[in-house]
Each structure stands twice: as C-alpha cells, then as structure tokens.
C-alpha cells in the first residue's frame, strides 16, 4: 500500500469518527471518549506518515497548550503528586 492510499483511508476513518461523535455526544460519554481517541490517533498516524511535525499555528491551540503546561508546572509544587496528576488528566479530558 502506498502512502496516499493510507492517508485516504485515515481521512475516511477520521471523518466517520466525527459523524459517530456527533451522534454519540447525545447519549454516551464513554463513546465520545472512544471516538475522540480514534480521531486523535488517526490524526497522529497521518502526521507521522506524512512526516509533518510542524506545530499548528492556531491561537486556540496555542492558548490551550500554554494552559496545560501551566497546570503541569503546578504539579512540581504540589505535595500530593497523585491528586495533581489526576487533576491534570481531568483538565485535559474535559477540555473537549
């Protein structure tokens, strides 16, 4: 299989996952999490195949990354490491 065919398949999988996400959003949080995982993994595999490692220049994404890094930095100052990591995971999870 050549790269272009794999990219086309990944695009279709990502598109189909978005359609499922729209439907699943109304009734199942776990199904939403699973479809988002499929979308993210598909996007990452596509980036790896294309060898496109540039950081997207989107203002929302930049602010979100700074927010996550700031929260990750607060883990360093925390006395309760497990709870801090759990809080960071919640922030990332509920940012959708």
PDB file of N, CA and C in Angstrom:
ATOM      1  N   UNK A   1       0.829  -1.183   0.000  1.00  0.00           N
ATOM      2  CA  UNK A   1       0.000   0.000   0.000  1.00  0.00           C
ATOM      3  C   UNK A   1       0.873   1.246   0.000  1.00  0.00           C
ATOM      4  N   UNK A   2       0.538   2.194  -0.820  1.00  0.00           N
ATOM      5  CA  UNK A   2       1.323   3.414  -0.855  1.00  0.00           C
ATOM      6  C   UNK A   2       0.785   4.424   0.170  1.00  0.00           C
ATOM      7  N   UNK A   3       1.571   5.464   0.376  1.00  0.00           N
ATOM      8  CA  UNK A   3       1.245   6.458   1.398  1.00  0.00           C
ATOM      9  C   UNK A   3      -0.089   7.144   1.133  1.00  0.00           C
ATOM     10  N   UNK A   4      -0.336   7.484  -0.115  1.00  0.00           N
ATOM     11  CA  UNK A   4      -1.556   8.224  -0.433  1.00  0.00           C
ATOM     12  C   UNK A   4      -2.804   7.401  -0.130  1.00  0.00           C
ATOM     13  N   UNK A   5      -2.744   6.117  -0.369  1.00  0.00           N
ATOM     14  CA  UNK A   5      -3.890   5.257  -0.087  1.00  0.00           C
ATOM     15  C   UNK A   5      -4.123   5.152   1.422  1.00  0.00           C
ATOM     16  N   UNK A   6      -3.049   5.061   2.200  1.00  0.00           N
ATOM     17  CA  UNK A   6      -3.167   5.012   3.653  1.00  0.00           C
ATOM     18  C   UNK A   6      -3.739   6.322   4.189  1.00  0.00           C
ATOM     19  N   UNK A   7      -3.283   7.436   3.639  1.00  0.00           N
ATOM     20  CA  UNK A   7      -3.789   8.752   4.052  1.00  0.00           C
ATOM     21  C   UNK A   7      -5.275   8.863   3.733  1.00  0.00           C
ATOM     22  N   UNK A   8      -5.691   8.384   2.578  1.00  0.00           N
ATOM     23  CA  UNK A   8      -7.104   8.415   2.199  1.00  0.00           C
ATOM     24  C   UNK A   8      -7.942   7.584   3.167  1.00  0.00           C
ATOM     25  N   UNK A   9      -7.449   6.416   3.533  1.00  0.00           N
ATOM     26  CA  UNK A   9      -8.164   5.560   4.488  1.00  0.00           C
ATOM     27  C   UNK A   9      -8.252   6.238   5.852  1.00  0.00           C
ATOM     28  N   UNK A  10      -7.151   6.825   6.298  1.00  0.00           N
ATOM     29  CA  UNK A  10      -7.171   7.532   7.578  1.00  0.00           C
ATOM     30  C   UNK A  10      -8.135   8.714   7.561  1.00  0.00           C
ATOM     31  N   UNK A  11      -8.190   9.444   6.447  1.00  0.00           N
ATOM     32  CA  UNK A  11      -9.135  10.553   6.328  1.00  0.00           C
ATOM     33  C   UNK A  11     -10.575  10.058   6.443  1.00  0.00           C
ATOM     34  N   UNK A  12     -10.878   8.942   5.818  1.00  0.00           N
ATOM     35  CA  UNK A  12     -12.228   8.370   5.891  1.00  0.00           C
ATOM     36  C   UNK A  12     -12.560   7.910   7.305  1.00  0.00           C
ATOM     37  N   UNK A  13     -11.577   7.303   7.986  1.00  0.00           N
ATOM     38  CA  UNK A  13     -11.789   6.861   9.370  1.00  0.00           C
ATOM     39  C   UNK A  13     -12.046   8.060  10.273  1.00  0.00           C
ATOM     40  N   UNK A  14     -11.255   9.112  10.111  1.00  0.00           N
ATOM     41  CA  UNK A  14     -11.425  10.318  10.920  1.00  0.00           C
ATOM     42  C   UNK A  14     -12.784  10.958  10.638  1.00  0.00           C
ATOM     43  N   UNK A  15     -13.155  11.033   9.375  1.00  0.00           N
ATOM     44  CA  UNK A  15     -14.451  11.610   9.006  1.00  0.00           C
ATOM     45  C   UNK A  15     -15.599  10.798   9.608  1.00  0.00           C
ATOM     46  N   UNK A  16     -15.533   9.480   9.487  1.00  0.00           N
ATOM     47  CA  UNK A  16     -16.568   8.612  10.036  1.00  0.00           C
ATOM     48  C   UNK A  16     -16.638   8.743  11.560  1.00  0.00           C
ATOM     49  N   UNK A  17     -15.481   8.877  12.212  1.00  0.00           N
ATOM     50  CA  UNK A  17     -15.450   9.042  13.667  1.00  0.00           C
ATOM     51  C   UNK A  17     -16.103  10.367  14.075  1.00  0.00           C
ATOM     52  N   UNK A  18     -15.927  11.417  13.271  1.00  0.00           N
ATOM     53  CA  UNK A  18     -16.603  12.677  13.553  1.00  0.00           C
ATOM     54  C   UNK A  18     -18.122  12.521  13.466  1.00  0.00           C
ATOM     55  N   UNK A  19     -18.599  11.781  12.484  1.00  0.00           N
ATOM     56  CA  UNK A  19     -20.036  11.539  12.369  1.00  0.00           C
ATOM     57  C   UNK A  19     -20.553  10.764  13.577  1.00  0.00           C
ATOM     58  N   UNK A  20     -19.812   9.759  13.991  1.00  0.00           N
ATOM     59  CA  UNK A  20     -20.202   8.992  15.171  1.00  0.00           C
ATOM     60  C   UNK A  20     -20.173   9.881  16.408  1.00  0.00           C
ATOM     61  N   UNK A  21     -19.185  10.761  16.479  1.00  0.00           N
ATOM     62  CA  UNK A  21     -19.067  11.678  17.611  1.00  0.00           C
ATOM     63  C   UNK A  21     -20.303  12.565  17.729  1.00  0.00           C
ATOM     64  N   UNK A  22     -20.796  13.047  16.624  1.00  0.00           N
ATOM     65  CA  UNK A  22     -21.980  13.905  16.639  1.00  0.00           C
ATOM     66  C   UNK A  22     -23.186  13.141  17.189  1.00  0.00           C
ATOM     67  N   UNK A  23     -23.317  11.893  16.806  1.00  0.00           N
ATOM     68  CA  UNK A  23     -24.437  11.088  17.287  1.00  0.00           C
ATOM     69  C   UNK A  23     -24.229  10.683  18.748  1.00  0.00           C
ATOM     70  N   UNK A  24     -23.022  10.244  19.084  1.00  0.00           N
ATOM     71  CA  UNK A  24     -22.742   9.728  20.423  1.00  0.00           C
ATOM     72  C   UNK A  24     -22.759  10.820  21.477  1.00  0.00           C
ATOM     73  N   UNK A  25     -22.552  12.037  21.081  1.00  0.00           N
ATOM     74  CA  UNK A  25     -22.491  13.156  22.026  1.00  0.00           C
ATOM     75  C   UNK A  25     -23.763  13.277  22.855  1.00  0.00           C
ATOM     76  N   UNK A  26     -24.882  12.834  22.292  1.00  0.00           N
ATOM     77  CA  UNK A  26     -26.166  12.997  22.968  1.00  0.00           C
ATOM     78  C   UNK A  26     -26.444  11.941  24.032  1.00  0.00           C
ATOM     79  N   UNK A  27     -25.728  10.804  24.001  1.00  0.00           N
ATOM     80  CA  UNK A  27     -26.120   9.745  24.930  1.00  0.00           C
ATOM     81  C   UNK A  27     -24.996   9.007  25.649  1.00  0.00           C
ATOM     82  N   UNK A  28     -23.751   9.133  25.265  1.00  0.00           N
ATOM     83  CA  UNK A  28     -22.732   8.311  25.907  1.00  0.00           C
ATOM     84  C   UNK A  28     -21.386   9.034  25.991  1.00  0.00           C
ATOM     85  N   UNK A  29     -20.965   9.315  27.204  1.00  0.00           N
ATOM     86  CA  UNK A  29     -19.682   9.975  27.412  1.00  0.00           C
ATOM     87  C   UNK A  29     -18.532   9.038  27.039  1.00  0.00           C
ATOM     88  N   UNK A  30     -18.656   7.767  27.385  1.00  0.00           N
ATOM     89  CA  UNK A  30     -17.572   6.824  27.075  1.00  0.00           C
ATOM     90  C   UNK A  30     -17.437   6.609  25.572  1.00  0.00           C
ATOM     91  N   UNK A  31     -18.542   6.632  24.857  1.00  0.00           N
ATOM     92  CA  UNK A  31     -18.483   6.501  23.398  1.00  0.00           C
ATOM     93  C   UNK A  31     -17.845   7.734  22.781  1.00  0.00           C
ATOM     94  N   UNK A  32     -18.113   8.895  23.353  1.00  0.00           N
ATOM     95  CA  UNK A  32     -17.478  10.133  22.903  1.00  0.00           C
ATOM     96  C   UNK A  32     -15.970  10.048  23.118  1.00  0.00           C
ATOM     97  N   UNK A  33     -15.558   9.574  24.294  1.00  0.00           N
ATOM     98  CA  UNK A  33     -14.124   9.419  24.569  1.00  0.00           C
ATOM     99  C   UNK A  33     -13.460   8.473  23.573  1.00  0.00           C
ATOM    100  N   UNK A  34     -14.134   7.377  23.256  1.00  0.00           N
ATOM    101  CA  UNK A  34     -13.565   6.404  22.319  1.00  0.00           C
ATOM    102  C   UNK A  34     -13.434   6.985  20.916  1.00  0.00           C
ATOM    103  N   UNK A  35     -14.440   7.714  20.462  1.00  0.00           N
ATOM    104  CA  UNK A  35     -14.354   8.289  19.119  1.00  0.00           C
ATOM    105  C   UNK A  35     -13.303   9.400  19.057  1.00  0.00           C
ATOM    106  N   UNK A  36     -13.177  10.164  20.128  1.00  0.00           N
ATOM    107  CA  UNK A  36     -12.135  11.193  20.154  1.00  0.00           C
ATOM    108  C   UNK A  36     -10.759  10.534  20.120  1.00  0.00           C
ATOM    109  N   UNK A  37     -10.614   9.419  20.819  1.00  0.00           N
ATOM    110  CA  UNK A  37      -9.337   8.692  20.781  1.00  0.00           C
ATOM    111  C   UNK A  37      -9.030   8.211  19.370  1.00  0.00           C
ATOM    112  N   UNK A  38     -10.037   7.720  18.658  1.00  0.00           N
ATOM    113  CA  UNK A  38      -9.834   7.282  17.271  1.00  0.00           C
ATOM    114  C   UNK A  38      -9.415   8.455  16.397  1.00  0.00           C
ATOM    115  N   UNK A  39     -10.057   9.598  16.589  1.00  0.00           N
ATOM    116  CA  UNK A  39      -9.728  10.786  15.795  1.00  0.00           C
ATOM    117  C   UNK A  39      -8.296  11.236  16.070  1.00  0.00           C
ATOM    118  N   UNK A  40      -7.916  11.298  17.333  1.00  0.00           N
ATOM    119  CA  UNK A  40      -6.563  11.765  17.694  1.00  0.00           C
ATOM    120  C   UNK A  40      -5.506  10.790  17.185  1.00  0.00           C
ATOM    121  N   UNK A  41      -5.724   9.498  17.395  1.00  0.00           N
ATOM    122  CA  UNK A  41      -4.744   8.508  16.935  1.00  0.00           C
ATOM    123  C   UNK A  41      -4.641   8.527  15.413  1.00  0.00           C
ATOM    124  N   UNK A  42      -5.769   8.624  14.727  1.00  0.00           N
ATOM    125  CA  UNK A  42      -5.741   8.709  13.266  1.00  0.00           C
ATOM    126  C   UNK A  42      -4.983   9.927  12.777  1.00  0.00           C
ATOM    127  N   UNK A  43      -5.212  11.054  13.444  1.00  0.00           N
ATOM    128  CA  UNK A  43      -4.515  12.285  13.069  1.00  0.00           C
ATOM    129  C   UNK A  43      -3.015  12.157  13.313  1.00  0.00           C
ATOM    130  N   UNK A  44      -2.637  11.561  14.470  1.00  0.00           N
ATOM    131  CA  UNK A  44      -1.214  11.395  14.772  1.00  0.00           C
ATOM    132  C   UNK A  44      -0.533  10.443  13.789  1.00  0.00           C
ATOM    133  N   UNK A  45      -1.196   9.351  13.453  1.00  0.00           N
ATOM    134  CA  UNK A  45      -0.625   8.408  12.479  1.00  0.00           C
ATOM    135  C   UNK A  45      -0.457   9.099  11.129  1.00  0.00           C
ATOM    136  N   UNK A  46      -1.439   9.890  10.756  1.00  0.00           N
ATOM    137  CA  UNK A  46      -1.355  10.633   9.497  1.00  0.00           C
ATOM    138  C   UNK A  46      -0.174  11.603   9.507  1.00  0.00           C
ATOM    139  N   UNK A  47       0.027  12.307  10.626  1.00  0.00           N
ATOM    140  CA  UNK A  47       1.165  13.230  10.738  1.00  0.00           C
ATOM    141  C   UNK A  47       2.489  12.482  10.653  1.00  0.00           C
ATOM    142  N   UNK A  48       2.559  11.308  11.272  1.00  0.00           N
ATOM    143  CA  UNK A  48       3.792  10.523  11.244  1.00  0.00           C
ATOM    144  C   UNK A  48       4.084  10.018   9.836  1.00  0.00           C
ATOM    145  N   UNK A  49       3.068   9.540   9.142  1.00  0.00           N
ATOM    146  CA  UNK A  49       3.267   9.038   7.776  1.00  0.00           C
ATOM    147  C   UNK A  49       3.715  10.158   6.849  1.00  0.00           C
ATOM    148  N   UNK A  50       3.099  11.338   7.003  1.00  0.00           N
ATOM    149  CA  UNK A  50       3.471  12.477   6.153  1.00  0.00           C
ATOM    150  C   UNK A  50       4.760  13.154   6.603  1.00  0.00           C
ATOM    151  N   UNK A  51       5.273  12.763   7.763  1.00  0.00           N
ATOM    152  CA  UNK A  51       6.465  13.377   8.359  1.00  0.00           C
ATOM    153  C   UNK A  51       6.293  14.884   8.491  1.00  0.00           C
ATOM    154  N   UNK A  52       5.085  15.268   8.924  1.00  0.00           N
ATOM    155  CA  UNK A  52       4.729  16.672   9.120  1.00  0.00           C
ATOM    156  C   UNK A  52       4.702  16.943  10.618  1.00  0.00           C
ATOM    157  N   UNK A  53       5.840  17.359  11.165  1.00  0.00           N
ATOM    158  CA  UNK A  53       5.957  17.549  12.598  1.00  0.00           C
ATOM    159  C   UNK A  53       5.887  19.014  12.997  1.00  0.00           C
ATOM    160  N   UNK A  54       5.324  19.854  12.144  1.00  0.00           N
ATOM    161  CA  UNK A  54       5.176  21.267  12.474  1.00  0.00           C
ATOM    162  C   UNK A  54       4.054  21.436  13.498  1.00  0.00           C
ATOM    163  N   UNK A  55       4.232  22.384  14.400  1.00  0.00           N
ATOM    164  CA  UNK A  55       3.206  22.705  15.373  1.00  0.00           C
ATOM    165  C   UNK A  55       2.155  23.568  14.694  1.00  0.00           C
ATOM    166  N   UNK A  56       0.863  23.198  14.798  1.00  0.00           N
ATOM    167  CA  UNK A  56      -0.184  24.010  14.155  1.00  0.00           C
ATOM    168  C   UNK A  56      -0.206  25.425  14.715  1.00  0.00           C
ATOM    169  N   UNK A  57      -0.343  26.395  13.857  1.00  0.00           N
ATOM    170  CA  UNK A  57      -0.334  27.806  14.258  1.00  0.00           C
ATOM    171  C   UNK A  57      -1.766  28.307  14.462  1.00  0.00           C
ATOM    172  N   UNK A  58      -2.440  27.739  15.446  1.00  0.00           N
ATOM    173  CA  UNK A  58      -3.798  28.118  15.754  1.00  0.00           C
ATOM    174  C   UNK A  58      -3.799  28.797  17.117  1.00  0.00           C
ATOM    175  N   UNK A  59      -4.439  29.945  17.249  1.00  0.00           N
ATOM    176  CA  UNK A  59      -4.382  30.688  18.502  1.00  0.00           C
ATOM    177  C   UNK A  59      -5.042  29.918  19.647  1.00  0.00           C
ATOM    178  N   UNK A  60      -6.157  29.239  19.375  1.00  0.00           N
ATOM    179  CA  UNK A  60      -6.803  28.451  20.422  1.00  0.00           C
ATOM    180  C   UNK A  60      -5.883  27.335  20.905  1.00  0.00           C
ATOM    181  N   UNK A  61      -5.262  26.647  19.968  1.00  0.00           N
ATOM    182  CA  UNK A  61      -4.375  25.542  20.324  1.00  0.00           C
ATOM    183  C   UNK A  61      -3.184  26.043  21.135  1.00  0.00           C
ATOM    184  N   UNK A  62      -2.646  27.175  20.754  1.00  0.00           N
ATOM    185  CA  UNK A  62      -1.516  27.743  21.486  1.00  0.00           C
ATOM    186  C   UNK A  62      -1.908  28.090  22.927  1.00  0.00           C
ATOM    187  N   UNK A  63      -3.049  28.716  23.105  1.00  0.00           N
ATOM    188  CA  UNK A  63      -3.519  29.052  24.452  1.00  0.00           C
ATOM    189  C   UNK A  63      -3.784  27.780  25.248  1.00  0.00           C
ATOM    190  N   UNK A  64      -4.361  26.768  24.612  1.00  0.00           N
ATOM    191  CA  UNK A  64      -4.638  25.501  25.294  1.00  0.00           C
ATOM    192  C   UNK A  64      -3.348  24.818  25.730  1.00  0.00           C
ATOM    193  N   UNK A  65      -2.346  24.812  24.882  1.00  0.00           N
ATOM    194  CA  UNK A  65      -1.062  24.189  25.227  1.00  0.00           C
ATOM    195  C   UNK A  65      -0.404  24.943  26.385  1.00  0.00           C
ATOM    196  N   UNK A  66      -0.451  26.259  26.365  1.00  0.00           N
ATOM    197  CA  UNK A  66       0.102  27.049  27.469  1.00  0.00           C
ATOM    198  C   UNK A  66      -0.647  26.745  28.763  1.00  0.00           C
ATOM    199  N   UNK A  67      -1.963  26.626  28.688  1.00  0.00           N
ATOM    200  CA  UNK A  67      -2.776  26.294  29.856  1.00  0.00           C
ATOM    201  C   UNK A  67      -2.394  24.932  30.429  1.00  0.00           C
ATOM    202  N   UNK A  68      -2.236  23.931  29.562  1.00  0.00           N
ATOM    203  CA  UNK A  68      -1.862  22.586  30.006  1.00  0.00           C
ATOM    204  C   UNK A  68      -0.452  22.606  30.613  1.00  0.00           C
ATOM    205  N   UNK A  69       0.476  23.296  29.978  1.00  0.00           N
ATOM    206  CA  UNK A  69       1.835  23.371  30.515  1.00  0.00           C
ATOM    207  C   UNK A  69       1.871  24.080  31.874  1.00  0.00           C
ATOM    208  N   UNK A  70       1.067  25.119  32.020  1.00  0.00           N
ATOM    209  CA  UNK A  70       0.997  25.827  33.292  1.00  0.00           C
ATOM    210  C   UNK A  70       0.470  24.900  34.390  1.00  0.00           C
ATOM    211  N   UNK A  71      -0.560  24.128  34.065  1.00  0.00           N
ATOM    212  CA  UNK A  71      -1.094  23.175  35.039  1.00  0.00           C
ATOM    213  C   UNK A  71      -0.102  22.053  35.325  1.00  0.00           C
ATOM    214  N   UNK A  72       0.626  21.623  34.308  1.00  0.00           N
ATOM    215  CA  UNK A  72       1.641  20.591  34.516  1.00  0.00           C
ATOM    216  C   UNK A  72       2.763  21.126  35.404  1.00  0.00           C
ATOM    217  N   UNK A  73       3.093  22.394  35.252  1.00  0.00           N
ATOM    218  CA  UNK A  73       4.116  23.011  36.091  1.00  0.00           C
ATOM    219  C   UNK A  73       3.681  23.057  37.557  1.00  0.00           C
ATOM    220  N   UNK A  74       2.396  23.202  37.796  1.00  0.00           N
ATOM    221  CA  UNK A  74       1.907  23.246  39.175  1.00  0.00           C
ATOM    222  C   UNK A  74       2.056  21.902  39.875  1.00  0.00           C
ATOM    223  N   UNK A  75       2.175  20.822  39.122  1.00  0.00           N
ATOM    224  CA  UNK A  75       2.402  19.500  39.723  1.00  0.00           C
ATOM    225  C   UNK A  75       3.735  19.495  40.462  1.00  0.00           C
ATOM    226  N   UNK A  76       4.697  20.199  39.936  1.00  0.00           N
ATOM    227  CA  UNK A  76       6.021  20.263  40.546  1.00  0.00           C
ATOM    228  C   UNK A  76       5.954  20.819  41.972  1.00  0.00           C
ATOM    229  N   UNK A  77       5.079  21.786  42.209  1.00  0.00           N
ATOM    230  CA  UNK A  77       4.971  22.424  43.522  1.00  0.00           C
ATOM    231  C   UNK A  77       3.998  21.718  44.459  1.00  0.00           C
ATOM    232  N   UNK A  78       3.354  20.675  43.998  1.00  0.00           N
ATOM    233  CA  UNK A  78       2.313  20.026  44.780  1.00  0.00           C
ATOM    234  C   UNK A  78       2.888  19.033  45.791  1.00  0.00           C
ATOM    235  N   UNK A  79       2.223  18.943  46.929  1.00  0.00           N
ATOM    236  CA  UNK A  79       2.589  17.939  47.925  1.00  0.00           C
ATOM    237  C   UNK A  79       1.885  16.613  47.672  1.00  0.00           C
ATOM    238  N   UNK A  80       0.833  16.639  46.866  1.00  0.00           N
ATOM    239  CA  UNK A  80       0.038  15.454  46.577  1.00  0.00           C
ATOM    240  C   UNK A  80       0.156  15.137  45.084  1.00  0.00           C
ATOM    241  N   UNK A  81       1.194  14.407  44.728  1.00  0.00           N
ATOM    242  CA  UNK A  81       1.512  14.143  43.335  1.00  0.00           C
ATOM    243  C   UNK A  81       0.379  13.397  42.625  1.00  0.00           C
ATOM    244  N   UNK A  82      -0.142  12.347  43.238  1.00  0.00           N
ATOM    245  CA  UNK A  82      -1.192  11.550  42.600  1.00  0.00           C
ATOM    246  C   UNK A  82      -2.422  12.399  42.293  1.00  0.00           C
ATOM    247  N   UNK A  83      -2.860  13.195  43.260  1.00  0.00           N
ATOM    248  CA  UNK A  83      -4.038  14.043  43.061  1.00  0.00           C
ATOM    249  C   UNK A  83      -3.786  15.118  42.004  1.00  0.00           C
ATOM    250  N   UNK A  84      -2.591  15.636  41.954  1.00  0.00           N
ATOM    251  CA  UNK A  84      -2.257  16.658  40.958  1.00  0.00           C
ATOM    252  C   UNK A  84      -2.264  16.082  39.546  1.00  0.00           C
ATOM    253  N   UNK A  85      -1.711  14.893  39.392  1.00  0.00           N
ATOM    254  CA  UNK A  85      -1.715  14.247  38.077  1.00  0.00           C
ATOM    255  C   UNK A  85      -3.149  13.918  37.669  1.00  0.00           C
ATOM    256  N   UNK A  86      -3.931  13.452  38.633  1.00  0.00           N
ATOM    257  CA  UNK A  86      -5.337  13.163  38.349  1.00  0.00           C
ATOM    258  C   UNK A  86      -6.080  14.433  37.910  1.00  0.00           C
ATOM    259  N   UNK A  87      -5.795  15.550  38.562  1.00  0.00           N
ATOM    260  CA  UNK A  87      -6.409  16.816  38.182  1.00  0.00           C
ATOM    261  C   UNK A  87      -6.001  17.257  36.791  1.00  0.00           C
ATOM    262  N   UNK A  88      -4.731  17.064  36.445  1.00  0.00           N
ATOM    263  CA  UNK A  88      -4.262  17.423  35.103  1.00  0.00           C
ATOM    264  C   UNK A  88      -4.960  16.572  34.041  1.00  0.00           C
ATOM    265  N   UNK A  89      -5.122  15.298  34.326  1.00  0.00           N
ATOM    266  CA  UNK A  89      -5.822  14.414  33.386  1.00  0.00           C
ATOM    267  C   UNK A  89      -7.269  14.865  33.224  1.00  0.00           C
ATOM    268  N   UNK A  90      -7.912  15.284  34.305  1.00  0.00           N
ATOM    269  CA  UNK A  90      -9.287  15.790  34.214  1.00  0.00           C
ATOM    270  C   UNK A  90      -9.355  17.047  33.364  1.00  0.00           C
ATOM    271  N   UNK A  91      -8.382  17.920  33.532  1.00  0.00           N
ATOM    272  CA  UNK A  91      -8.369  19.158  32.736  1.00  0.00           C
ATOM    273  C   UNK A  91      -8.264  18.824  31.250  1.00  0.00           C
ATOM    274  N   UNK A  92      -7.383  17.909  30.916  1.00  0.00           N
ATOM    275  CA  UNK A  92      -7.212  17.521  29.509  1.00  0.00           C
ATOM    276  C   UNK A  92      -8.459  16.816  29.010  1.00  0.00           C
ATOM    277  N   UNK A  93      -9.017  15.936  29.826  1.00  0.00           N
ATOM    278  CA  UNK A  93     -10.185  15.165  29.402  1.00  0.00           C
ATOM    279  C   UNK A  93     -11.396  16.058  29.165  1.00  0.00           C
ATOM    280  N   UNK A  94     -11.649  16.995  30.066  1.00  0.00           N
ATOM    281  CA  UNK A  94     -12.847  17.818  29.956  1.00  0.00           C
ATOM    282  C   UNK A  94     -12.654  19.080  29.126  1.00  0.00           C
ATOM    283  N   UNK A  95     -11.522  19.220  28.497  1.00  0.00           N
ATOM    284  CA  UNK A  95     -11.277  20.361  27.621  1.00  0.00           C
ATOM    285  C   UNK A  95     -11.952  20.193  26.269  1.00  0.00           C
ATOM    286  N   UNK A  96     -12.451  19.009  26.015  1.00  0.00           N
ATOM    287  CA  UNK A  96     -13.105  18.767  24.737  1.00  0.00           C
ATOM    288  C   UNK A  96     -14.331  19.568  24.706  1.00  0.00           C
TER     289      UNK A  96
END
